[in-house]
PDB file of all heavy atoms in Angstrom:
ATOM      1  N   LEU A   1      52.027 118.498  96.922  1.00  0.00           N
ATOM      2  CA  LEU A   1      53.437 118.114  96.895  1.00  0.00           C
ATOM      3  C   LEU A   1      53.602 116.644  96.511  1.00  0.00           C
ATOM      4  O   LEU A   1      54.525 116.295  95.759  1.00  0.00           O
ATOM      5  CB  LEU A   1      54.094 118.389  98.247  1.00  0.00           C
ATOM      6  CG  LEU A   1      54.300 119.860  98.591  1.00  0.00           C
ATOM      7  CD1 LEU A   1      54.767 120.010 100.030  1.00  0.00           C
ATOM      8  CD2 LEU A   1      55.274 120.521  97.628  1.00  0.00           C
ATOM      9  N   GLN A   2      52.728 115.783  97.009  1.00  0.00           N
ATOM     10  CA  GLN A   2      52.817 114.363  96.648  1.00  0.00           C
ATOM     11  C   GLN A   2      52.670 114.183  95.144  1.00  0.00           C
ATOM     12  O   GLN A   2      53.405 113.404  94.536  1.00  0.00           O
ATOM     13  CB  GLN A   2      51.743 113.555  97.381  1.00  0.00           C
ATOM     14  CG  GLN A   2      52.067 113.335  98.827  1.00  0.00           C
ATOM     15  CD  GLN A   2      50.965 112.612  99.577  1.00  0.00           C
ATOM     16  OE1 GLN A   2      49.785 112.762  99.280  1.00  0.00           O
ATOM     17  NE2 GLN A   2      51.357 111.826 100.566  1.00  0.00           N
ATOM     18  N   TRP A   3      51.743 114.898  94.541  1.00  0.00           N
ATOM     19  CA  TRP A   3      51.565 114.804  93.096  1.00  0.00           C
ATOM     20  C   TRP A   3      52.782 115.352  92.361  1.00  0.00           C
ATOM     21  O   TRP A   3      53.211 114.793  91.350  1.00  0.00           O
ATOM     22  CB  TRP A   3      50.293 115.530  92.654  1.00  0.00           C
ATOM     23  CG  TRP A   3      49.091 114.679  92.827  1.00  0.00           C
ATOM     24  CD1 TRP A   3      48.136 114.788  93.795  1.00  0.00           C
ATOM     25  CD2 TRP A   3      48.720 113.542  92.034  1.00  0.00           C
ATOM     26  NE1 TRP A   3      47.203 113.787  93.644  1.00  0.00           N
ATOM     27  CE2 TRP A   3      47.525 113.016  92.572  1.00  0.00           C
ATOM     28  CE3 TRP A   3      49.280 112.923  90.928  1.00  0.00           C
ATOM     29  CZ2 TRP A   3      46.887 111.904  92.042  1.00  0.00           C
ATOM     30  CZ3 TRP A   3      48.641 111.810  90.389  1.00  0.00           C
ATOM     31  CH2 TRP A   3      47.466 111.314  90.939  1.00  0.00           C
ATOM     32  N   GLN A   4      53.362 116.426  92.861  1.00  0.00           N
ATOM     33  CA  GLN A   4      54.531 117.001  92.205  1.00  0.00           C
ATOM     34  C   GLN A   4      55.773 116.125  92.364  1.00  0.00           C
ATOM     35  O   GLN A   4      56.687 116.209  91.549  1.00  0.00           O
ATOM     36  CB  GLN A   4      54.814 118.399  92.739  1.00  0.00           C
ATOM     37  CG  GLN A   4      53.834 119.428  92.215  1.00  0.00           C
ATOM     38  CD  GLN A   4      54.254 120.817  92.606  1.00  0.00           C
ATOM     39  OE1 GLN A   4      54.212 121.167  93.778  1.00  0.00           O
ATOM     40  NE2 GLN A   4      54.665 121.599  91.633  1.00  0.00           N
ATOM     41  N   CYS A   5      55.808 115.289  93.394  1.00  0.00           N
ATOM     42  CA  CYS A   5      56.940 114.379  93.595  1.00  0.00           C
ATOM     43  C   CYS A   5      56.882 113.186  92.652  1.00  0.00           C
ATOM     44  O   CYS A   5      57.865 112.469  92.503  1.00  0.00           O
ATOM     45  CB  CYS A   5      56.991 113.895  95.046  1.00  0.00           C
ATOM     46  SG  CYS A   5      57.576 115.154  96.202  1.00  0.00           S
ATOM     47  N   ARG A   6      55.749 112.979  92.024  1.00  0.00           N
ATOM     48  CA  ARG A   6      55.637 111.914  91.019  1.00  0.00           C
ATOM     49  C   ARG A   6      56.221 112.433  89.725  1.00  0.00           C
ATOM     50  O   ARG A   6      55.699 113.345  89.107  1.00  0.00           O
ATOM     51  CB  ARG A   6      54.180 111.519  90.817  1.00  0.00           C
ATOM     52  CG  ARG A   6      53.609 110.831  92.008  1.00  0.00           C
ATOM     53  CD  ARG A   6      52.208 110.391  91.722  1.00  0.00           C
ATOM     54  NE  ARG A   6      51.725 109.585  92.833  1.00  0.00           N
ATOM     55  CZ  ARG A   6      50.586 108.946  92.808  1.00  0.00           C
ATOM     56  NH1 ARG A   6      49.799 109.003  91.747  1.00  0.00           N
ATOM     57  NH2 ARG A   6      50.212 108.233  93.845  1.00  0.00           N
ATOM     58  N   ARG A   7      57.318 111.837  89.323  1.00  0.00           N
ATOM     59  CA  ARG A   7      58.045 112.305  88.153  1.00  0.00           C
ATOM     60  C   ARG A   7      58.044 111.226  87.080  1.00  0.00           C
ATOM     61  O   ARG A   7      57.415 110.196  87.220  1.00  0.00           O
ATOM     62  CB  ARG A   7      59.484 112.652  88.546  1.00  0.00           C
ATOM     63  CG  ARG A   7      59.634 113.535  89.771  1.00  0.00           C
ATOM     64  CD  ARG A   7      58.980 114.858  89.597  1.00  0.00           C
ATOM     65  NE  ARG A   7      59.812 115.715  88.787  1.00  0.00           N
ATOM     66  CZ  ARG A   7      59.918 117.007  88.940  1.00  0.00           C
ATOM     67  NH1 ARG A   7      59.256 117.607  89.889  1.00  0.00           N
ATOM     68  NH2 ARG A   7      60.686 117.719  88.149  1.00  0.00           N
ATOM     69  N   GLY A   8      58.817 111.453  86.028  1.00  0.00           N
ATOM     70  CA  GLY A   8      58.903 110.488  84.957  1.00  0.00           C
ATOM     71  C   GLY A   8      59.993 109.443  85.154  1.00  0.00           C
ATOM     72  O   GLY A   8      60.161 108.562  84.328  1.00  0.00           O
ATOM     73  N   MET A   9      60.728 109.552  86.250  1.00  0.00           N
ATOM     74  CA  MET A   9      61.830 108.621  86.525  1.00  0.00           C
ATOM     75  C   MET A   9      61.609 107.977  87.887  1.00  0.00           C
ATOM     76  O   MET A   9      61.366 108.666  88.872  1.00  0.00           O
ATOM     77  CB  MET A   9      63.169 109.355  86.573  1.00  0.00           C
ATOM     78  CG  MET A   9      63.597 109.969  85.294  1.00  0.00           C
ATOM     79  SD  MET A   9      65.213 110.762  85.551  1.00  0.00           S
ATOM     80  CE  MET A   9      65.336 111.703  84.067  1.00  0.00           C
ATOM     81  N   LEU A  10      61.732 106.680  87.926  1.00  0.00           N
ATOM     82  CA  LEU A  10      61.533 105.952  89.176  1.00  0.00           C
ATOM     83  C   LEU A  10      62.477 106.443  90.269  1.00  0.00           C
ATOM     84  O   LEU A  10      62.075 106.595  91.422  1.00  0.00           O
ATOM     85  CB  LEU A  10      61.710 104.445  88.948  1.00  0.00           C
ATOM     86  CG  LEU A  10      61.549 103.553  90.174  1.00  0.00           C
ATOM     87  CD1 LEU A  10      60.150 103.698  90.773  1.00  0.00           C
ATOM     88  CD2 LEU A  10      61.846 102.113  89.822  1.00  0.00           C
ATOM     89  N   GLU A  11      63.726 106.714  89.916  1.00  0.00           N
ATOM     90  CA  GLU A  11      64.708 107.170  90.901  1.00  0.00           C
ATOM     91  C   GLU A  11      64.238 108.458  91.578  1.00  0.00           C
ATOM     92  O   GLU A  11      64.324 108.598  92.800  1.00  0.00           O
ATOM     93  CB  GLU A  11      66.080 107.410  90.247  1.00  0.00           C
ATOM     94  CG  GLU A  11      66.729 106.183  89.676  1.00  0.00           C
ATOM     95  CD  GLU A  11      66.303 105.905  88.232  1.00  0.00           C
ATOM     96  OE1 GLU A  11      65.340 106.545  87.736  1.00  0.00           O
ATOM     97  OE2 GLU A  11      66.931 105.052  87.601  1.00  0.00           O
ATOM     98  N   LEU A  12      63.746 109.381  90.781  1.00  0.00           N
ATOM     99  CA  LEU A  12      63.247 110.638  91.338  1.00  0.00           C
ATOM    100  C   LEU A  12      62.005 110.415  92.192  1.00  0.00           C
ATOM    101  O   LEU A  12      61.868 110.997  93.269  1.00  0.00           O
ATOM    102  CB  LEU A  12      62.943 111.645  90.226  1.00  0.00           C
ATOM    103  CG  LEU A  12      64.141 112.229  89.494  1.00  0.00           C
ATOM    104  CD1 LEU A  12      63.674 113.184  88.398  1.00  0.00           C
ATOM    105  CD2 LEU A  12      65.079 112.928  90.445  1.00  0.00           C
ATOM    106  N   ASP A  13      61.098 109.578  91.703  1.00  0.00           N
ATOM    107  CA  ASP A  13      59.888 109.271  92.475  1.00  0.00           C
ATOM    108  C   ASP A  13      60.257 108.761  93.861  1.00  0.00           C
ATOM    109  O   ASP A  13      59.713 109.225  94.867  1.00  0.00           O
ATOM    110  CB  ASP A  13      59.042 108.201  91.778  1.00  0.00           C
ATOM    111  CG  ASP A  13      58.363 108.679  90.516  1.00  0.00           C
ATOM    112  OD1 ASP A  13      58.420 109.884  90.217  1.00  0.00           O
ATOM    113  OD2 ASP A  13      57.761 107.840  89.829  1.00  0.00           O
ATOM    114  N   LEU A  14      61.183 107.831  93.915  1.00  0.00           N
ATOM    115  CA  LEU A  14      61.561 107.224  95.188  1.00  0.00           C
ATOM    116  C   LEU A  14      62.247 108.227  96.116  1.00  0.00           C
ATOM    117  O   LEU A  14      61.924 108.307  97.304  1.00  0.00           O
ATOM    118  CB  LEU A  14      62.461 106.010  94.953  1.00  0.00           C
ATOM    119  CG  LEU A  14      61.812 104.838  94.224  1.00  0.00           C
ATOM    120  CD1 LEU A  14      62.849 103.774  93.905  1.00  0.00           C
ATOM    121  CD2 LEU A  14      60.657 104.263  95.015  1.00  0.00           C
ATOM    122  N   LEU A  15      63.190 108.984  95.592  1.00  0.00           N
ATOM    123  CA  LEU A  15      63.914 109.960  96.408  1.00  0.00           C
ATOM    124  C   LEU A  15      62.991 111.065  96.933  1.00  0.00           C
ATOM    125  O   LEU A  15      63.009 111.393  98.118  1.00  0.00           O
ATOM    126  CB  LEU A  15      65.048 110.591  95.609  1.00  0.00           C
ATOM    127  CG  LEU A  15      66.273 109.723  95.363  1.00  0.00           C
ATOM    128  CD1 LEU A  15      67.179 110.373  94.324  1.00  0.00           C
ATOM    129  CD2 LEU A  15      67.024 109.510  96.664  1.00  0.00           C
ATOM    130  N   LEU A  16      62.189 111.614  96.049  1.00  0.00           N
ATOM    131  CA  LEU A  16      61.346 112.736  96.443  1.00  0.00           C
ATOM    132  C   LEU A  16      60.224 112.318  97.380  1.00  0.00           C
ATOM    133  O   LEU A  16      59.932 113.004  98.362  1.00  0.00           O
ATOM    134  CB  LEU A  16      60.785 113.432  95.205  1.00  0.00           C
ATOM    135  CG  LEU A  16      61.811 114.121  94.313  1.00  0.00           C
ATOM    136  CD1 LEU A  16      61.169 114.634  93.039  1.00  0.00           C
ATOM    137  CD2 LEU A  16      62.517 115.237  95.062  1.00  0.00           C
ATOM    138  N   GLN A  17      59.596 111.183  97.094  1.00  0.00           N
ATOM    139  CA  GLN A  17      58.505 110.728  97.954  1.00  0.00           C
ATOM    140  C   GLN A  17      59.025 110.347  99.336  1.00  0.00           C
ATOM    141  O   GLN A  17      58.406 110.661 100.348  1.00  0.00           O
ATOM    142  CB  GLN A  17      57.763 109.546  97.322  1.00  0.00           C
ATOM    143  CG  GLN A  17      56.499 109.178  98.065  1.00  0.00           C
ATOM    144  CD  GLN A  17      55.488 110.318  98.106  1.00  0.00           C
ATOM    145  OE1 GLN A  17      55.151 110.894  97.093  1.00  0.00           O
ATOM    146  NE2 GLN A  17      55.017 110.656  99.294  1.00  0.00           N
ATOM    147  N   SER A  18      60.171 109.689  99.378  1.00  0.00           N
ATOM    148  CA  SER A  18      60.769 109.326 100.657  1.00  0.00           C
ATOM    149  C   SER A  18      61.098 110.586 101.458  1.00  0.00           C
ATOM    150  O   SER A  18      60.857 110.647 102.668  1.00  0.00           O
ATOM    151  CB  SER A  18      62.032 108.496 100.438  1.00  0.00           C
ATOM    152  OG  SER A  18      62.637 108.214 101.664  1.00  0.00           O
ATOM    153  N   PHE A  19      61.635 111.598 100.788  1.00  0.00           N
ATOM    154  CA  PHE A  19      61.941 112.844 101.478  1.00  0.00           C
ATOM    155  C   PHE A  19      60.673 113.513 101.988  1.00  0.00           C
ATOM    156  O   PHE A  19      60.632 113.996 103.123  1.00  0.00           O
ATOM    157  CB  PHE A  19      62.708 113.801 100.563  1.00  0.00           C
ATOM    158  CG  PHE A  19      62.983 115.111 101.228  1.00  0.00           C
ATOM    159  CD1 PHE A  19      63.925 115.197 102.240  1.00  0.00           C
ATOM    160  CD2 PHE A  19      62.282 116.245 100.875  1.00  0.00           C
ATOM    161  CE1 PHE A  19      64.163 116.401 102.886  1.00  0.00           C
ATOM    162  CE2 PHE A  19      62.515 117.447 101.515  1.00  0.00           C
ATOM    163  CZ  PHE A  19      63.460 117.526 102.516  1.00  0.00           C
ATOM    164  N   LEU A  20      59.648 113.533 101.168  1.00  0.00           N
ATOM    165  CA  LEU A  20      58.387 114.136 101.603  1.00  0.00           C
ATOM    166  C   LEU A  20      57.839 113.426 102.833  1.00  0.00           C
ATOM    167  O   LEU A  20      57.363 114.061 103.769  1.00  0.00           O
ATOM    168  CB  LEU A  20      57.369 114.106 100.460  1.00  0.00           C
ATOM    169  CG  LEU A  20      56.069 114.864 100.686  1.00  0.00           C
ATOM    170  CD1 LEU A  20      56.314 116.344 100.930  1.00  0.00           C
ATOM    171  CD2 LEU A  20      55.142 114.674  99.497  1.00  0.00           C
ATOM    172  N   ASP A  21      57.964 112.120 102.868  1.00  0.00           N
ATOM    173  CA  ASP A  21      57.461 111.328 103.992  1.00  0.00           C
ATOM    174  C   ASP A  21      58.326 111.429 105.242  1.00  0.00           C
ATOM    175  O   ASP A  21      57.816 111.373 106.360  1.00  0.00           O
ATOM    176  CB  ASP A  21      57.347 109.850 103.597  1.00  0.00           C
ATOM    177  CG  ASP A  21      56.269 109.593 102.557  1.00  0.00           C
ATOM    178  OD1 ASP A  21      55.372 110.453 102.388  1.00  0.00           O
ATOM    179  OD2 ASP A  21      56.330 108.536 101.908  1.00  0.00           O
ATOM    180  N   HIS A  22      59.655 111.566 105.073  1.00  0.00           N
ATOM    181  CA  HIS A  22      60.556 111.440 106.218  1.00  0.00           C
ATOM    182  C   HIS A  22      61.422 112.660 106.520  1.00  0.00           C
ATOM    183  O   HIS A  22      62.074 112.689 107.571  1.00  0.00           O
ATOM    184  CB  HIS A  22      61.470 110.228 106.034  1.00  0.00           C
ATOM    185  CG  HIS A  22      60.727 108.960 105.820  1.00  0.00           C
ATOM    186  ND1 HIS A  22      60.027 108.333 106.821  1.00  0.00           N
ATOM    187  CD2 HIS A  22      60.530 108.220 104.696  1.00  0.00           C
ATOM    188  CE1 HIS A  22      59.453 107.237 106.336  1.00  0.00           C
ATOM    189  NE2 HIS A  22      59.733 107.154 105.048  1.00  0.00           N
ATOM    190  N   GLY A  23      61.472 113.635 105.627  1.00  0.00           N
ATOM    191  CA  GLY A  23      62.358 114.766 105.866  1.00  0.00           C
ATOM    192  C   GLY A  23      61.734 116.140 105.714  1.00  0.00           C
ATOM    193  O   GLY A  23      62.210 117.104 106.301  1.00  0.00           O
ATOM    194  N   TYR A  24      60.693 116.220 104.952  1.00  0.00           N
ATOM    195  CA  TYR A  24      60.087 117.520 104.644  1.00  0.00           C
ATOM    196  C   TYR A  24      59.641 118.277 105.892  1.00  0.00           C
ATOM    197  O   TYR A  24      59.842 119.489 105.995  1.00  0.00           O
ATOM    198  CB  TYR A  24      58.914 117.326 103.676  1.00  0.00           C
ATOM    199  CG  TYR A  24      58.203 118.600 103.318  1.00  0.00           C
ATOM    200  CD1 TYR A  24      58.722 119.455 102.346  1.00  0.00           C
ATOM    201  CD2 TYR A  24      57.012 118.959 103.940  1.00  0.00           C
ATOM    202  CE1 TYR A  24      58.077 120.637 102.018  1.00  0.00           C
ATOM    203  CE2 TYR A  24      56.358 120.141 103.614  1.00  0.00           C
ATOM    204  CZ  TYR A  24      56.904 120.968 102.655  1.00  0.00           C
ATOM    205  OH  TYR A  24      56.255 122.142 102.325  1.00  0.00           O
ATOM    206  N   ASP A  25      59.053 117.592 106.830  1.00  0.00           N
ATOM    207  CA  ASP A  25      58.519 118.244 108.028  1.00  0.00           C
ATOM    208  C   ASP A  25      59.600 118.900 108.886  1.00  0.00           C
ATOM    209  O   ASP A  25      59.293 119.759 109.706  1.00  0.00           O
ATOM    210  CB  ASP A  25      57.714 117.257 108.874  1.00  0.00           C
ATOM    211  CG  ASP A  25      56.435 116.832 108.182  1.00  0.00           C
ATOM    212  OD1 ASP A  25      55.896 117.600 107.369  1.00  0.00           O
ATOM    213  OD2 ASP A  25      55.965 115.705 108.449  1.00  0.00           O
ATOM    214  N   ARG A  26      60.852 118.521 108.694  1.00  0.00           N
ATOM    215  CA  ARG A  26      61.952 119.127 109.453  1.00  0.00           C
ATOM    216  C   ARG A  26      62.454 120.426 108.829  1.00  0.00           C
ATOM    217  O   ARG A  26      63.260 121.134 109.434  1.00  0.00           O
ATOM    218  CB  ARG A  26      63.109 118.142 109.577  1.00  0.00           C
ATOM    219  CG  ARG A  26      62.784 116.933 110.429  1.00  0.00           C
ATOM    220  CD  ARG A  26      64.004 116.079 110.641  1.00  0.00           C
ATOM    221  NE  ARG A  26      64.503 115.552 109.378  1.00  0.00           N
ATOM    222  CZ  ARG A  26      64.600 114.268 109.074  1.00  0.00           C
ATOM    223  NH1 ARG A  26      64.248 113.353 109.960  1.00  0.00           N
ATOM    224  NH2 ARG A  26      65.070 113.886 107.913  1.00  0.00           N
ATOM    225  N   LEU A  27      62.001 120.739 107.621  1.00  0.00           N
ATOM    226  CA  LEU A  27      62.437 121.960 106.941  1.00  0.00           C
ATOM    227  C   LEU A  27      61.766 123.189 107.542  1.00  0.00           C
ATOM    228  O   LEU A  27      60.606 123.134 107.942  1.00  0.00           O
ATOM    229  CB  LEU A  27      62.093 121.906 105.450  1.00  0.00           C
ATOM    230  CG  LEU A  27      62.740 120.818 104.603  1.00  0.00           C
ATOM    231  CD1 LEU A  27      62.237 120.922 103.169  1.00  0.00           C
ATOM    232  CD2 LEU A  27      64.249 120.890 104.655  1.00  0.00           C
ATOM    233  N   ASP A  28      62.500 124.299 107.546  1.00  0.00           N
ATOM    234  CA  ASP A  28      61.881 125.564 107.942  1.00  0.00           C
ATOM    235  C   ASP A  28      61.114 126.131 106.738  1.00  0.00           C
ATOM    236  O   ASP A  28      61.146 125.563 105.643  1.00  0.00           O
ATOM    237  CB  ASP A  28      62.922 126.543 108.479  1.00  0.00           C
ATOM    238  CG  ASP A  28      63.983 126.939 107.455  1.00  0.00           C
ATOM    239  OD1 ASP A  28      63.767 126.806 106.227  1.00  0.00           O
ATOM    240  OD2 ASP A  28      65.063 127.389 107.886  1.00  0.00           O
ATOM    241  N   ALA A  29      60.441 127.238 106.941  1.00  0.00           N
ATOM    242  CA  ALA A  29      59.583 127.808 105.890  1.00  0.00           C
ATOM    243  C   ALA A  29      60.369 128.157 104.632  1.00  0.00           C
ATOM    244  O   ALA A  29      59.893 127.911 103.512  1.00  0.00           O
ATOM    245  CB  ALA A  29      58.866 129.037 106.428  1.00  0.00           C
ATOM    246  N   GLU A  30      61.569 128.700 104.789  1.00  0.00           N
ATOM    247  CA  GLU A  30      62.380 129.067 103.623  1.00  0.00           C
ATOM    248  C   GLU A  30      62.799 127.828 102.828  1.00  0.00           C
ATOM    249  O   GLU A  30      62.759 127.817 101.596  1.00  0.00           O
ATOM    250  CB  GLU A  30      63.615 129.849 104.068  1.00  0.00           C
ATOM    251  CG  GLU A  30      64.457 130.334 102.902  1.00  0.00           C
ATOM    252  CD  GLU A  30      65.657 131.158 103.333  1.00  0.00           C
ATOM    253  OE1 GLU A  30      65.803 131.462 104.529  1.00  0.00           O
ATOM    254  OE2 GLU A  30      66.462 131.478 102.453  1.00  0.00           O
ATOM    255  N   ALA A  31      63.191 126.782 103.521  1.00  0.00           N
ATOM    256  CA  ALA A  31      63.603 125.544 102.846  1.00  0.00           C
ATOM    257  C   ALA A  31      62.400 124.867 102.194  1.00  0.00           C
ATOM    258  O   ALA A  31      62.535 124.271 101.121  1.00  0.00           O
ATOM    259  CB  ALA A  31      64.288 124.612 103.832  1.00  0.00           C
ATOM    260  N   ARG A  32      61.241 124.948 102.808  1.00  0.00           N
ATOM    261  CA  ARG A  32      60.029 124.384 102.181  1.00  0.00           C
ATOM    262  C   ARG A  32      59.711 125.118 100.887  1.00  0.00           C
ATOM    263  O   ARG A  32      59.319 124.505  99.900  1.00  0.00           O
ATOM    264  CB  ARG A  32      58.848 124.456 103.142  1.00  0.00           C
ATOM    265  CG  ARG A  32      58.946 123.450 104.251  1.00  0.00           C
ATOM    266  CD  ARG A  32      57.765 123.511 105.176  1.00  0.00           C
ATOM    267  NE  ARG A  32      57.974 122.579 106.287  1.00  0.00           N
ATOM    268  CZ  ARG A  32      57.008 122.131 107.053  1.00  0.00           C
ATOM    269  NH1 ARG A  32      55.767 122.518 106.862  1.00  0.00           N
ATOM    270  NH2 ARG A  32      57.286 121.289 108.023  1.00  0.00           N
ATOM    271  N   GLN A  33      59.900 126.420 100.900  1.00  0.00           N
ATOM    272  CA  GLN A  33      59.683 127.198  99.691  1.00  0.00           C
ATOM    273  C   GLN A  33      60.697 126.796  98.605  1.00  0.00           C
ATOM    274  O   GLN A  33      60.356 126.670  97.429  1.00  0.00           O
ATOM    275  CB  GLN A  33      59.797 128.687 100.013  1.00  0.00           C
ATOM    276  CG  GLN A  33      59.416 129.589  98.888  1.00  0.00           C
ATOM    277  CD  GLN A  33      59.443 131.040  99.313  1.00  0.00           C
ATOM    278  OE1 GLN A  33      60.368 131.478 100.017  1.00  0.00           O
ATOM    279  NE2 GLN A  33      58.456 131.796  98.908  1.00  0.00           N
ATOM    280  N   ALA A  34      61.936 126.550  99.006  1.00  0.00           N
ATOM    281  CA  ALA A  34      62.962 126.119  98.056  1.00  0.00           C
ATOM    282  C   ALA A  34      62.634 124.733  97.503  1.00  0.00           C
ATOM    283  O   ALA A  34      62.840 124.467  96.314  1.00  0.00           O
ATOM    284  CB  ALA A  34      64.340 126.118  98.727  1.00  0.00           C
ATOM    285  N   PHE A  35      62.115 123.824  98.352  1.00  0.00           N
ATOM    286  CA  PHE A  35      61.713 122.493  97.882  1.00  0.00           C
ATOM    287  C   PHE A  35      60.603 122.623  96.844  1.00  0.00           C
ATOM    288  O   PHE A  35      60.647 121.963  95.802  1.00  0.00           O
ATOM    289  CB  PHE A  35      61.248 121.634  99.061  1.00  0.00           C
ATOM    290  CG  PHE A  35      60.800 120.259  98.670  1.00  0.00           C
ATOM    291  CD1 PHE A  35      61.711 119.300  98.262  1.00  0.00           C
ATOM    292  CD2 PHE A  35      59.464 119.912  98.722  1.00  0.00           C
ATOM    293  CE1 PHE A  35      61.300 118.020  97.901  1.00  0.00           C
ATOM    294  CE2 PHE A  35      59.040 118.647  98.365  1.00  0.00           C
ATOM    295  CZ  PHE A  35      59.968 117.692  97.953  1.00  0.00           C
ATOM    296  N   ASP A  36      59.648 123.488  97.101  1.00  0.00           N
ATOM    297  CA  ASP A  36      58.558 123.715  96.156  1.00  0.00           C
ATOM    298  C   ASP A  36      59.111 124.236  94.832  1.00  0.00           C
ATOM    299  O   ASP A  36      58.710 123.792  93.759  1.00  0.00           O
ATOM    300  CB  ASP A  36      57.555 124.693  96.769  1.00  0.00           C
ATOM    301  CG  ASP A  36      56.243 124.732  96.030  1.00  0.00           C
ATOM    302  OD1 ASP A  36      55.787 123.679  95.537  1.00  0.00           O
ATOM    303  OD2 ASP A  36      55.650 125.821  95.958  1.00  0.00           O
ATOM    304  N   GLN A  37      60.065 125.142  94.903  1.00  0.00           N
ATOM    305  CA  GLN A  37      60.715 125.673  93.705  1.00  0.00           C
ATOM    306  C   GLN A  37      61.474 124.566  92.976  1.00  0.00           C
ATOM    307  O   GLN A  37      61.431 124.471  91.749  1.00  0.00           O
ATOM    308  CB  GLN A  37      61.657 126.800  94.098  1.00  0.00           C
ATOM    309  CG  GLN A  37      62.380 127.445  92.949  1.00  0.00           C
ATOM    310  CD  GLN A  37      63.355 128.510  93.418  1.00  0.00           C
ATOM    311  OE1 GLN A  37      63.377 128.903  94.595  1.00  0.00           O
ATOM    312  NE2 GLN A  37      64.191 128.986  92.516  1.00  0.00           N
ATOM    313  N   LEU A  38      62.149 123.723  93.726  1.00  0.00           N
ATOM    314  CA  LEU A  38      62.918 122.618  93.156  1.00  0.00           C
ATOM    315  C   LEU A  38      62.029 121.675  92.346  1.00  0.00           C
ATOM    316  O   LEU A  38      62.441 121.142  91.313  1.00  0.00           O
ATOM    317  CB  LEU A  38      63.619 121.856  94.280  1.00  0.00           C
ATOM    318  CG  LEU A  38      64.498 120.681  93.897  1.00  0.00           C
ATOM    319  CD1 LEU A  38      65.715 121.165  93.124  1.00  0.00           C
ATOM    320  CD2 LEU A  38      64.929 119.928  95.139  1.00  0.00           C
ATOM    321  N   LEU A  39      60.813 121.483  92.793  1.00  0.00           N
ATOM    322  CA  LEU A  39      59.898 120.578  92.092  1.00  0.00           C
ATOM    323  C   LEU A  39      59.496 121.101  90.712  1.00  0.00           C
ATOM    324  O   LEU A  39      58.956 120.341  89.901  1.00  0.00           O
ATOM    325  CB  LEU A  39      58.659 120.297  92.948  1.00  0.00           C
ATOM    326  CG  LEU A  39      58.926 119.510  94.224  1.00  0.00           C
ATOM    327  CD1 LEU A  39      57.636 119.360  95.028  1.00  0.00           C
ATOM    328  CD2 LEU A  39      59.534 118.150  93.925  1.00  0.00           C
ATOM    329  N   ASP A  40      59.781 122.359  90.427  1.00  0.00           N
ATOM    330  CA  ASP A  40      59.527 122.921  89.094  1.00  0.00           C
ATOM    331  C   ASP A  40      60.683 122.678  88.134  1.00  0.00           C
ATOM    332  O   ASP A  40      60.556 122.943  86.945  1.00  0.00           O
ATOM    333  CB  ASP A  40      59.255 124.426  89.188  1.00  0.00           C
ATOM    334  CG  ASP A  40      57.918 124.737  89.823  1.00  0.00           C
ATOM    335  OD1 ASP A  40      57.008 123.895  89.766  1.00  0.00           O
ATOM    336  OD2 ASP A  40      57.793 125.837  90.405  1.00  0.00           O
ATOM    337  N   TYR A  41      61.800 122.177  88.632  1.00  0.00           N
ATOM    338  CA  TYR A  41      62.965 121.930  87.784  1.00  0.00           C
ATOM    339  C   TYR A  41      62.695 120.742  86.863  1.00  0.00           C
ATOM    340  O   TYR A  41      61.971 119.810  87.226  1.00  0.00           O
ATOM    341  CB  TYR A  41      64.200 121.617  88.630  1.00  0.00           C
ATOM    342  CG  TYR A  41      64.835 122.811  89.296  1.00  0.00           C
ATOM    343  CD1 TYR A  41      64.104 123.934  89.669  1.00  0.00           C
ATOM    344  CD2 TYR A  41      66.180 122.812  89.588  1.00  0.00           C
ATOM    345  CE1 TYR A  41      64.709 125.014  90.289  1.00  0.00           C
ATOM    346  CE2 TYR A  41      66.794 123.889  90.216  1.00  0.00           C
ATOM    347  CZ  TYR A  41      66.043 124.985  90.554  1.00  0.00           C
ATOM    348  OH  TYR A  41      66.646 126.043  91.177  1.00  0.00           O
ATOM    349  N   PRO A  42      63.317 120.727  85.681  1.00  0.00           N
ATOM    350  CA  PRO A  42      63.201 119.568  84.790  1.00  0.00           C
ATOM    351  C   PRO A  42      63.801 118.315  85.443  1.00  0.00           C
ATOM    352  O   PRO A  42      64.766 118.409  86.214  1.00  0.00           O
ATOM    353  CB  PRO A  42      64.009 119.961  83.554  1.00  0.00           C
ATOM    354  CG  PRO A  42      64.282 121.417  83.679  1.00  0.00           C
ATOM    355  CD  PRO A  42      64.136 121.796  85.114  1.00  0.00           C
ATOM    356  N   ASP A  43      63.241 117.175  85.117  1.00  0.00           N
ATOM    357  CA  ASP A  43      63.680 115.917  85.718  1.00  0.00           C
ATOM    358  C   ASP A  43      65.176 115.683  85.571  1.00  0.00           C
ATOM    359  O   ASP A  43      65.840 115.249  86.508  1.00  0.00           O
ATOM    360  CB  ASP A  43      62.926 114.730  85.112  1.00  0.00           C
ATOM    361  CG  ASP A  43      61.486 114.657  85.556  1.00  0.00           C
ATOM    362  OD1 ASP A  43      61.081 115.445  86.447  1.00  0.00           O
ATOM    363  OD2 ASP A  43      60.750 113.803  85.027  1.00  0.00           O
TER     364      ASP A  43
END
């Protein structure tokens, strides 16, 4: 997930990495699956 949060835009890198560090662990299994799916979206 950390590697997938590294994107081509600094704004995305900062938002996604911060979320992974501070918010991801609060997600339930379904939301974690949706986050994983979201990381496949174009920047």
